[in-house]
Amino acid sequence: MLMDAELYQRLNYEIMMLEKAKKEYSTRLELLGDYKDSLLRRTKPGNGKYFYYSVKHNGSRTYNYLGSSDHHIVKKVREARFLKEAIRRINCDLDLLKALAYGFLPFDPSHVTESLPEAYRCEIPTSSKLYETEGKKWLAKRLEDQKGFPENYPEKKKHRTSDGIWVKTVSEVVLYEMVKSAGLTLIYELPLPMKDYGPPLYPDVTVLSPIDMKTEIIIEYVGRLDLREYREDFARRIDRYIRSGYKIGVNLFFVFSNIEGHIDSIQIKKVIADISGIRN
């Protein structure tokens, strides 16, 4: 999302460019003189191969035959009609943009609370504070839920995150730390019951959405697609996710290893941006 100042600047730039185009088009239209009010009529000959044109100038009652579309008058009348329509549309856009730009006031939460009766005025809650509060509630509940499931291959967890969570690989440490550093609330390998009633899946990272603060978003690291057994298991996992209603790019994201076989931090940043709703 653009900041207030950036939005205002963008609007004024668009207004400036449209006014410049309008001036150029208006000058060209004036140079066409009477052609700007002339009318064309197109008729089809008997063999159906070609169209022939006639023109009626402003104030005239009859059409004068011109011939094919290559006639210079046909071209001038066409250009005049294009310019008139372009100017009409530019005027519509200018009216809308100016109404927005000149009536636009940068949003200030303090102005909102000051406009309320004194009995309703409150400390202004910020999105980060709201997310932090909701994140703590969600995390406590989901960690409690996690205790009701057996741990997923605890013997393979040999690497530790900065907040003491044991994970299986260095790549999972990188994924976990980058998501955590972005300010997102997350859980490692939160058991996820599937609608096919099969065994639960243990996604690498489950994140609480910072947008609606209730949607749970899954991020899976995919590292060994060079191995047939890994590819087959990955395909089964995708199928189970989709059958359970998850949508890739909405509440299900994947981070793939790069050509060297390591986790790709650029992909992680893009996923974080998508989850946070800040990508262009």
C-alpha atoms as a PDB file:
ATOM      1  CA  MET A   1       0.000   0.000   0.000  1.00  0.00           C
ATOM      2  CA  LEU A   2       1.226   3.467  -0.821  1.00  0.00           C
ATOM      3  CA  MET A   3       1.876   5.872   2.031  1.00  0.00           C
ATOM      4  CA  ASP A   4      -0.347   8.954   2.195  1.00  0.00           C
ATOM      5  CA  ALA A   5       2.282  11.311   0.785  1.00  0.00           C
ATOM      6  CA  GLU A   6       3.155   8.882  -1.999  1.00  0.00           C
ATOM      7  CA  LEU A   7      -0.506   8.474  -2.922  1.00  0.00           C
ATOM      8  CA  TYR A   8      -1.034  12.230  -3.077  1.00  0.00           C
ATOM      9  CA  GLN A   9       2.076  12.670  -5.198  1.00  0.00           C
ATOM     10  CA  ARG A  10       0.983   9.893  -7.551  1.00  0.00           C
ATOM     11  CA  LEU A  11      -2.458  11.417  -7.998  1.00  0.00           C
ATOM     12  CA  ASN A  12      -1.034  14.818  -8.837  1.00  0.00           C
ATOM     13  CA  TYR A  13       1.415  13.286 -11.302  1.00  0.00           C
ATOM     14  CA  GLU A  14      -1.452  11.492 -13.076  1.00  0.00           C
ATOM     15  CA  ILE A  15      -3.441  14.748 -13.187  1.00  0.00           C
ATOM     16  CA  MET A  16      -0.459  16.587 -14.678  1.00  0.00           C
ATOM     17  CA  MET A  17       0.075  13.928 -17.392  1.00  0.00           C
ATOM     18  CA  LEU A  18      -3.618  13.839 -18.301  1.00  0.00           C
ATOM     19  CA  GLU A  19      -3.807  17.623 -18.574  1.00  0.00           C
ATOM     20  CA  LYS A  20      -0.735  17.585 -20.804  1.00  0.00           C
ATOM     21  CA  ALA A  21      -2.318  14.957 -23.072  1.00  0.00           C
ATOM     22  CA  LYS A  22      -5.593  16.893 -23.146  1.00  0.00           C
ATOM     23  CA  LYS A  23      -3.791  20.063 -24.234  1.00  0.00           C
ATOM     24  CA  GLU A  24      -1.974  18.246 -27.045  1.00  0.00           C
ATOM     25  CA  TYR A  25      -5.151  16.523 -28.254  1.00  0.00           C
ATOM     26  CA  SER A  26      -7.162  19.754 -28.111  1.00  0.00           C
ATOM     27  CA  THR A  27      -4.550  21.567 -30.217  1.00  0.00           C
ATOM     28  CA  ARG A  28      -4.577  18.815 -32.824  1.00  0.00           C
ATOM     29  CA  LEU A  29      -8.384  18.818 -32.879  1.00  0.00           C
ATOM     30  CA  GLU A  30      -8.528  22.569 -33.517  1.00  0.00           C
ATOM     31  CA  LEU A  31      -6.138  22.165 -36.442  1.00  0.00           C
ATOM     32  CA  LEU A  32      -8.627  19.788 -38.061  1.00  0.00           C
ATOM     33  CA  GLY A  33     -11.142  22.633 -38.296  1.00  0.00           C
ATOM     34  CA  ASP A  34     -14.537  21.610 -39.706  1.00  0.00           C
ATOM     35  CA  TYR A  35     -13.572  17.949 -39.821  1.00  0.00           C
ATOM     36  CA  LYS A  36     -14.195  17.681 -36.081  1.00  0.00           C
ATOM     37  CA  ASP A  37     -17.954  18.081 -36.693  1.00  0.00           C
ATOM     38  CA  SER A  38     -18.146  16.022 -39.889  1.00  0.00           C
ATOM     39  CA  LEU A  39     -19.893  12.652 -40.144  1.00  0.00           C
ATOM     40  CA  LEU A  40     -18.809   9.562 -42.053  1.00  0.00           C
ATOM     41  CA  ARG A  41     -21.069   6.992 -43.666  1.00  0.00           C
ATOM     42  CA  ARG A  42     -19.789   3.631 -44.790  1.00  0.00           C
ATOM     43  CA  THR A  43     -21.493   1.548 -47.471  1.00  0.00           C
ATOM     44  CA  LYS A  44     -20.657  -1.942 -48.727  1.00  0.00           C
ATOM     45  CA  PRO A  45     -20.529  -2.657 -52.462  1.00  0.00           C
ATOM     46  CA  GLY A  46     -22.304  -5.573 -54.060  1.00  0.00           C
ATOM     47  CA  ASN A  47     -19.324  -7.945 -54.114  1.00  0.00           C
ATOM     48  CA  GLY A  48     -18.789  -7.440 -50.369  1.00  0.00           C
ATOM     49  CA  LYS A  49     -15.018  -6.969 -50.575  1.00  0.00           C
ATOM     50  CA  TYR A  50     -14.617  -3.277 -49.910  1.00  0.00           C
ATOM     51  CA  PHE A  51     -16.263  -0.474 -47.981  1.00  0.00           C
ATOM     52  CA  TYR A  52     -16.845   2.943 -49.508  1.00  0.00           C
ATOM     53  CA  TYR A  53     -17.171   6.181 -47.594  1.00  0.00           C
ATOM     54  CA  SER A  54     -19.163   9.382 -47.826  1.00  0.00           C
ATOM     55  CA  VAL A  55     -18.876  12.497 -45.669  1.00  0.00           C
ATOM     56  CA  LYS A  56     -21.369  15.076 -44.490  1.00  0.00           C
ATOM     57  CA  HIS A  57     -19.936  18.327 -43.188  1.00  0.00           C
ATOM     58  CA  ASN A  58     -21.517  20.415 -40.473  1.00  0.00           C
ATOM     59  CA  GLY A  59     -24.454  22.401 -41.876  1.00  0.00           C
ATOM     60  CA  SER A  60     -24.801  20.218 -44.972  1.00  0.00           C
ATOM     61  CA  ARG A  61     -27.822  17.993 -45.651  1.00  0.00           C
ATOM     62  CA  THR A  62     -26.163  15.574 -48.038  1.00  0.00           C
ATOM     63  CA  TYR A  63     -23.241  13.157 -48.003  1.00  0.00           C
ATOM     64  CA  ASN A  64     -20.446  13.553 -50.536  1.00  0.00           C
ATOM     65  CA  TYR A  65     -18.872  10.398 -51.951  1.00  0.00           C
ATOM     66  CA  LEU A  66     -15.195   9.913 -51.048  1.00  0.00           C
ATOM     67  CA  GLY A  67     -14.289   6.392 -52.081  1.00  0.00           C
ATOM     68  CA  SER A  68     -12.025   4.112 -50.060  1.00  0.00           C
ATOM     69  CA  SER A  69     -10.670   4.550 -46.553  1.00  0.00           C
ATOM     70  CA  ASP A  70      -7.416   5.858 -48.039  1.00  0.00           C
ATOM     71  CA  HIS A  71      -9.052   9.187 -48.860  1.00  0.00           C
ATOM     72  CA  HIS A  72      -7.426  12.009 -46.893  1.00  0.00           C
ATOM     73  CA  ILE A  73     -10.799  13.327 -45.689  1.00  0.00           C
ATOM     74  CA  VAL A  74     -11.726   9.917 -44.240  1.00  0.00           C
ATOM     75  CA  LYS A  75      -8.461   9.919 -42.297  1.00  0.00           C
ATOM     76  CA  LYS A  76      -9.006  13.434 -40.971  1.00  0.00           C
ATOM     77  CA  VAL A  77     -12.583  12.778 -39.847  1.00  0.00           C
ATOM     78  CA  ARG A  78     -11.476   9.545 -38.151  1.00  0.00           C
ATOM     79  CA  GLU A  79      -8.668  11.350 -36.345  1.00  0.00           C
ATOM     80  CA  ALA A  80     -11.076  14.083 -35.232  1.00  0.00           C
ATOM     81  CA  ARG A  81     -13.503  11.509 -33.820  1.00  0.00           C
ATOM     82  CA  PHE A  82     -10.653   9.767 -31.951  1.00  0.00           C
ATOM     83  CA  LEU A  83      -9.456  13.065 -30.478  1.00  0.00           C
ATOM     84  CA  LYS A  84     -12.950  14.063 -29.334  1.00  0.00           C
ATOM     85  CA  GLU A  85     -13.478  10.711 -27.604  1.00  0.00           C
ATOM     86  CA  ALA A  86     -10.007  10.785 -26.040  1.00  0.00           C
ATOM     87  CA  ILE A  87     -10.626  14.277 -24.640  1.00  0.00           C
ATOM     88  CA  ARG A  88     -14.014  13.180 -23.277  1.00  0.00           C
ATOM     89  CA  ARG A  89     -12.445  10.264 -21.416  1.00  0.00           C
ATOM     90  CA  ILE A  90      -9.577  12.391 -20.138  1.00  0.00           C
ATOM     91  CA  ASN A  91     -12.080  14.896 -18.749  1.00  0.00           C
ATOM     92  CA  CYS A  92     -13.882  12.081 -16.898  1.00  0.00           C
ATOM     93  CA  ASP A  93     -10.615  10.829 -15.410  1.00  0.00           C
ATOM     94  CA  LEU A  94      -9.561  14.338 -14.433  1.00  0.00           C
ATOM     95  CA  ASP A  95     -12.852  14.947 -12.628  1.00  0.00           C
ATOM     96  CA  LEU A  96     -12.447  11.732 -10.631  1.00  0.00           C
ATOM     97  CA  LEU A  97      -8.775  12.239  -9.810  1.00  0.00           C
ATOM     98  CA  LYS A  98      -9.202  15.867  -8.807  1.00  0.00           C
ATOM     99  CA  ALA A  99     -12.141  14.992  -6.557  1.00  0.00           C
ATOM    100  CA  LEU A 100      -9.975  12.389  -4.861  1.00  0.00           C
ATOM    101  CA  ALA A 101      -6.750  14.418  -4.715  1.00  0.00           C
ATOM    102  CA  TYR A 102      -8.273  17.696  -3.538  1.00  0.00           C
ATOM    103  CA  GLY A 103     -10.726  16.063  -1.165  1.00  0.00           C
ATOM    104  CA  PHE A 104      -8.157  13.631   0.223  1.00  0.00           C
ATOM    105  CA  LEU A 105      -7.071  14.021   3.828  1.00  0.00           C
ATOM    106  CA  PRO A 106      -4.285  11.780   5.171  1.00  0.00           C
ATOM    107  CA  PHE A 107      -5.810   9.357   7.642  1.00  0.00           C
ATOM    108  CA  ASP A 108      -4.972  10.209  11.228  1.00  0.00           C
ATOM    109  CA  PRO A 109      -6.391   7.904  13.925  1.00  0.00           C
ATOM    110  CA  SER A 110      -6.093  10.712  16.486  1.00  0.00           C
ATOM    111  CA  HIS A 111      -8.588  12.780  14.478  1.00  0.00           C
ATOM    112  CA  VAL A 112     -11.056   9.900  14.658  1.00  0.00           C
ATOM    113  CA  THR A 113     -10.941   9.533  18.415  1.00  0.00           C
ATOM    114  CA  GLU A 114     -11.038  13.329  18.910  1.00  0.00           C
ATOM    115  CA  SER A 115     -14.219  13.519  16.846  1.00  0.00           C
ATOM    116  CA  LEU A 116     -16.017  11.076  19.144  1.00  0.00           C
ATOM    117  CA  PRO A 117     -17.944  12.094  22.255  1.00  0.00           C
ATOM    118  CA  GLU A 118     -15.636  12.145  25.254  1.00  0.00           C
ATOM    119  CA  ALA A 119     -17.243   9.046  26.740  1.00  0.00           C
ATOM    120  CA  TYR A 120     -16.072   6.984  23.714  1.00  0.00           C
ATOM    121  CA  ARG A 121     -12.525   8.280  23.380  1.00  0.00           C
ATOM    122  CA  CYS A 122      -9.841   5.680  23.891  1.00  0.00           C
ATOM    123  CA  GLU A 123      -6.180   4.926  23.485  1.00  0.00           C
ATOM    124  CA  ILE A 124      -5.590   4.324  19.813  1.00  0.00           C
ATOM    125  CA  PRO A 125      -4.887   0.628  19.142  1.00  0.00           C
ATOM    126  CA  THR A 126      -2.199   0.006  16.522  1.00  0.00           C
ATOM    127  CA  SER A 127      -2.238  -2.942  14.139  1.00  0.00           C
ATOM    128  CA  SER A 128       1.015  -4.255  15.582  1.00  0.00           C
ATOM    129  CA  LYS A 129      -0.371  -4.182  19.130  1.00  0.00           C
ATOM    130  CA  LEU A 130      -3.573  -5.876  18.041  1.00  0.00           C
ATOM    131  CA  TYR A 131      -1.637  -8.571  16.209  1.00  0.00           C
ATOM    132  CA  GLU A 132       0.683  -9.070  19.156  1.00  0.00           C
ATOM    133  CA  THR A 133      -2.285  -9.505  21.493  1.00  0.00           C
ATOM    134  CA  GLU A 134      -4.183 -11.850  19.193  1.00  0.00           C
ATOM    135  CA  GLY A 135      -0.961 -13.695  18.364  1.00  0.00           C
ATOM    136  CA  LYS A 136      -0.289 -14.476  22.012  1.00  0.00           C
ATOM    137  CA  LYS A 137      -3.820 -15.827  22.461  1.00  0.00           C
ATOM    138  CA  TRP A 138      -3.585 -17.943  19.320  1.00  0.00           C
ATOM    139  CA  LEU A 139      -0.124 -19.245  20.168  1.00  0.00           C
ATOM    140  CA  ALA A 140      -1.112 -20.289  23.688  1.00  0.00           C
ATOM    141  CA  LYS A 141      -4.167 -22.141  22.413  1.00  0.00           C
ATOM    142  CA  ARG A 142      -2.400 -23.890  19.551  1.00  0.00           C
ATOM    143  CA  LEU A 143       0.549 -24.924  21.721  1.00  0.00           C
ATOM    144  CA  GLU A 144      -1.940 -26.493  24.082  1.00  0.00           C
ATOM    145  CA  ASP A 145      -3.587 -28.266  21.133  1.00  0.00           C
ATOM    146  CA  GLN A 146      -0.177 -29.483  20.021  1.00  0.00           C
ATOM    147  CA  LYS A 147       0.255 -31.398  23.274  1.00  0.00           C
ATOM    148  CA  GLY A 148      -2.615 -33.684  22.263  1.00  0.00           C
ATOM    149  CA  PHE A 149      -0.601 -35.149  19.375  1.00  0.00           C
ATOM    150  CA  PRO A 150       2.555 -37.263  19.346  1.00  0.00           C
ATOM    151  CA  GLU A 151       5.695 -35.365  18.403  1.00  0.00           C
ATOM    152  CA  ASN A 152       6.794 -35.818  14.810  1.00  0.00           C
ATOM    153  CA  TYR A 153      10.127 -37.720  14.642  1.00  0.00           C
ATOM    154  CA  PRO A 154      11.696 -36.130  17.719  1.00  0.00           C
ATOM    155  CA  GLU A 155      14.882 -38.152  17.195  1.00  0.00           C
ATOM    156  CA  LYS A 156      15.568 -36.175  13.985  1.00  0.00           C
ATOM    157  CA  LYS A 157      15.406 -32.772  15.654  1.00  0.00           C
ATOM    158  CA  LYS A 158      19.051 -31.801  16.118  1.00  0.00           C
ATOM    159  CA  HIS A 159      19.016 -28.035  15.465  1.00  0.00           C
ATOM    160  CA  ARG A 160      17.732 -25.344  17.803  1.00  0.00           C
ATOM    161  CA  THR A 161      16.098 -21.989  17.024  1.00  0.00           C
ATOM    162  CA  SER A 162      16.777 -18.765  18.913  1.00  0.00           C
ATOM    163  CA  ASP A 163      13.713 -19.309  21.118  1.00  0.00           C
ATOM    164  CA  GLY A 164      14.627 -22.899  21.984  1.00  0.00           C
ATOM    165  CA  ILE A 165      12.548 -24.864  19.443  1.00  0.00           C
ATOM    166  CA  TRP A 166      14.210 -28.057  18.195  1.00  0.00           C
ATOM    167  CA  VAL A 167      13.904 -28.598  14.435  1.00  0.00           C
ATOM    168  CA  LYS A 168      15.213 -31.166  11.963  1.00  0.00           C
ATOM    169  CA  THR A 169      17.408 -29.207   9.545  1.00  0.00           C
ATOM    170  CA  VAL A 170      19.435 -26.040   9.250  1.00  0.00           C
ATOM    171  CA  SER A 171      17.103 -24.935   6.455  1.00  0.00           C
ATOM    172  CA  GLU A 172      14.148 -25.177   8.822  1.00  0.00           C
ATOM    173  CA  VAL A 173      16.064 -23.003  11.283  1.00  0.00           C
ATOM    174  CA  VAL A 174      16.537 -20.382   8.550  1.00  0.00           C
ATOM    175  CA  LEU A 175      12.851 -20.512   7.584  1.00  0.00           C
ATOM    176  CA  TYR A 176      11.719 -20.300  11.199  1.00  0.00           C
ATOM    177  CA  GLU A 177      14.032 -17.409  12.104  1.00  0.00           C
ATOM    178  CA  MET A 178      13.176 -15.333   9.026  1.00  0.00           C
ATOM    179  CA  VAL A 179       9.439 -15.689   9.590  1.00  0.00           C
ATOM    180  CA  LYS A 180       9.855 -14.911  13.297  1.00  0.00           C
ATOM    181  CA  SER A 181      12.067 -11.871  12.560  1.00  0.00           C
ATOM    182  CA  ALA A 182       9.349 -10.514  10.280  1.00  0.00           C
ATOM    183  CA  GLY A 183       7.137 -10.161  13.348  1.00  0.00           C
ATOM    184  CA  LEU A 184       4.818 -13.039  12.477  1.00  0.00           C
ATOM    185  CA  THR A 185       3.447 -15.387  15.121  1.00  0.00           C
ATOM    186  CA  LEU A 186       4.311 -18.984  14.221  1.00  0.00           C
ATOM    187  CA  ILE A 187       4.454 -22.575  15.428  1.00  0.00           C
ATOM    188  CA  TYR A 188       6.824 -25.296  14.227  1.00  0.00           C
ATOM    189  CA  GLU A 189       5.171 -28.561  13.141  1.00  0.00           C
ATOM    190  CA  LEU A 190       1.701 -27.829  14.486  1.00  0.00           C
ATOM    191  CA  PRO A 191      -0.270 -31.079  13.919  1.00  0.00           C
ATOM    192  CA  LEU A 192      -2.905 -30.529  11.259  1.00  0.00           C
ATOM    193  CA  PRO A 193      -5.805 -33.031  11.034  1.00  0.00           C
ATOM    194  CA  MET A 194      -6.878 -33.635   7.438  1.00  0.00           C
ATOM    195  CA  LYS A 195     -10.393 -34.011   6.062  1.00  0.00           C
ATOM    196  CA  ASP A 196      -9.468 -37.383   4.555  1.00  0.00           C
ATOM    197  CA  TYR A 197      -9.237 -38.758   8.120  1.00  0.00           C
ATOM    198  CA  GLY A 198      -5.694 -39.898   7.473  1.00  0.00           C
ATOM    199  CA  PRO A 199      -2.822 -39.175   9.848  1.00  0.00           C
ATOM    200  CA  PRO A 200      -2.256 -35.489  10.615  1.00  0.00           C
ATOM    201  CA  LEU A 201       0.313 -33.522   8.666  1.00  0.00           C
ATOM    202  CA  TYR A 202       3.046 -31.605  10.444  1.00  0.00           C
ATOM    203  CA  PRO A 203       3.734 -28.493   8.321  1.00  0.00           C
ATOM    204  CA  ASP A 204       7.129 -26.883   8.861  1.00  0.00           C
ATOM    205  CA  VAL A 205       5.647 -23.556   9.907  1.00  0.00           C
ATOM    206  CA  THR A 206       2.103 -22.452  10.681  1.00  0.00           C
ATOM    207  CA  VAL A 207       1.586 -18.685  10.829  1.00  0.00           C
ATOM    208  CA  LEU A 208      -1.275 -16.578  12.146  1.00  0.00           C
ATOM    209  CA  SER A 209      -2.367 -14.167   9.416  1.00  0.00           C
ATOM    210  CA  PRO A 210      -1.482 -10.556  10.309  1.00  0.00           C
ATOM    211  CA  ILE A 211      -4.307  -9.349   8.074  1.00  0.00           C
ATOM    212  CA  ASP A 212      -7.425 -10.916   9.594  1.00  0.00           C
ATOM    213  CA  MET A 213      -5.657 -12.316  12.698  1.00  0.00           C
ATOM    214  CA  LYS A 214      -7.550 -15.594  12.500  1.00  0.00           C
ATOM    215  CA  THR A 215      -6.505 -17.428   9.329  1.00  0.00           C
ATOM    216  CA  GLU A 216      -3.788 -20.036   9.784  1.00  0.00           C
ATOM    217  CA  ILE A 217      -1.239 -20.044   6.968  1.00  0.00           C
ATOM    218  CA  ILE A 218       1.095 -22.927   6.222  1.00  0.00           C
ATOM    219  CA  ILE A 219       4.645 -22.644   4.896  1.00  0.00           C
ATOM    220  CA  GLU A 220       6.382 -25.839   3.783  1.00  0.00           C
ATOM    221  CA  TYR A 221      10.052 -26.098   2.863  1.00  0.00           C
ATOM    222  CA  VAL A 222      10.630 -28.431  -0.107  1.00  0.00           C
ATOM    223  CA  GLY A 223      14.256 -29.456  -0.274  1.00  0.00           C
ATOM    224  CA  ARG A 224      14.915 -32.805  -1.944  1.00  0.00           C
ATOM    225  CA  LEU A 225      12.888 -33.044  -5.111  1.00  0.00           C
ATOM    226  CA  ASP A 226      15.884 -34.801  -6.652  1.00  0.00           C
ATOM    227  CA  LEU A 227      14.855 -37.908  -4.682  1.00  0.00           C
ATOM    228  CA  ARG A 228      11.982 -39.955  -6.091  1.00  0.00           C
ATOM    229  CA  GLU A 229      10.581 -40.966  -2.695  1.00  0.00           C
ATOM    230  CA  TYR A 230      10.652 -37.319  -1.537  1.00  0.00           C
ATOM    231  CA  ARG A 231       8.844 -36.173  -4.720  1.00  0.00           C
ATOM    232  CA  GLU A 232       6.128 -38.797  -4.277  1.00  0.00           C
ATOM    233  CA  ASP A 233       5.617 -37.826  -0.627  1.00  0.00           C
ATOM    234  CA  PHE A 234       5.489 -34.136  -1.598  1.00  0.00           C
ATOM    235  CA  ALA A 235       2.831 -34.873  -4.236  1.00  0.00           C
ATOM    236  CA  ARG A 236       0.733 -36.757  -1.671  1.00  0.00           C
ATOM    237  CA  ARG A 237       1.022 -33.877   0.796  1.00  0.00           C
ATOM    238  CA  ILE A 238      -0.132 -31.331  -1.774  1.00  0.00           C
ATOM    239  CA  ASP A 239      -3.083 -33.542  -2.680  1.00  0.00           C
ATOM    240  CA  ARG A 240      -4.092 -33.881   0.966  1.00  0.00           C
ATOM    241  CA  TYR A 241      -3.805 -30.145   1.566  1.00  0.00           C
ATOM    242  CA  ILE A 242      -5.945 -29.317  -1.452  1.00  0.00           C
ATOM    243  CA  ARG A 243      -8.543 -31.963  -0.596  1.00  0.00           C
ATOM    244  CA  SER A 244      -8.777 -30.402   2.865  1.00  0.00           C
ATOM    245  CA  GLY A 245      -9.585 -26.986   1.370  1.00  0.00           C
ATOM    246  CA  TYR A 246      -6.184 -25.287   1.423  1.00  0.00           C
ATOM    247  CA  LYS A 247      -5.335 -23.008  -1.488  1.00  0.00           C
ATOM    248  CA  ILE A 248      -1.816 -22.476  -2.769  1.00  0.00           C
ATOM    249  CA  GLY A 249      -0.842 -18.812  -2.575  1.00  0.00           C
ATOM    250  CA  VAL A 250      -3.663 -18.053  -0.145  1.00  0.00           C
ATOM    251  CA  ASN A 251      -3.143 -20.116   2.996  1.00  0.00           C
ATOM    252  CA  LEU A 252      -0.586 -22.597   1.680  1.00  0.00           C
ATOM    253  CA  PHE A 253       2.911 -21.594   0.576  1.00  0.00           C
ATOM    254  CA  PHE A 254       6.004 -23.510  -0.473  1.00  0.00           C
ATOM    255  CA  VAL A 255       9.665 -22.535  -0.371  1.00  0.00           C
ATOM    256  CA  PHE A 256      11.878 -24.606  -2.679  1.00  0.00           C
ATOM    257  CA  SER A 257      15.596 -25.199  -2.450  1.00  0.00           C
ATOM    258  CA  ASN A 258      17.797 -23.328  -4.927  1.00  0.00           C
ATOM    259  CA  ILE A 259      20.000 -24.937  -7.585  1.00  0.00           C
ATOM    260  CA  GLU A 260      22.710 -25.567  -4.988  1.00  0.00           C
ATOM    261  CA  GLY A 261      20.221 -27.540  -2.905  1.00  0.00           C
ATOM    262  CA  HIS A 262      19.936 -24.958  -0.094  1.00  0.00           C
ATOM    263  CA  ILE A 263      16.981 -22.984   1.176  1.00  0.00           C
ATOM    264  CA  ASP A 264      16.372 -19.784  -0.801  1.00  0.00           C
ATOM    265  CA  SER A 265      16.041 -16.742   1.476  1.00  0.00           C
ATOM    266  CA  ILE A 266      14.686 -14.623  -1.395  1.00  0.00           C
ATOM    267  CA  GLN A 267      11.749 -17.003  -1.752  1.00  0.00           C
ATOM    268  CA  ILE A 268      11.122 -16.787   1.987  1.00  0.00           C
ATOM    269  CA  LYS A 269      11.048 -12.978   1.817  1.00  0.00           C
ATOM    270  CA  LYS A 270       8.514 -13.109  -1.017  1.00  0.00           C
ATOM    271  CA  VAL A 271       6.307 -15.530   0.918  1.00  0.00           C
ATOM    272  CA  ILE A 272       6.464 -13.301   3.995  1.00  0.00           C
ATOM    273  CA  ALA A 273       5.535 -10.303   1.868  1.00  0.00           C
ATOM    274  CA  ASP A 274       2.581 -12.181   0.365  1.00  0.00           C
ATOM    275  CA  ILE A 275       1.347 -13.250   3.797  1.00  0.00           C
ATOM    276  CA  SER A 276       1.709  -9.694   5.090  1.00  0.00           C
ATOM    277  CA  GLY A 277      -0.112  -8.283   2.054  1.00  0.00           C
ATOM    278  CA  ILE A 278       2.664  -5.865   1.103  1.00  0.00           C
ATOM    279  CA  ARG A 279       3.850  -7.167  -2.275  1.00  0.00           C
ATOM    280  CA  ASN A 280       3.102  -5.135  -5.415  1.00  0.00           C
END
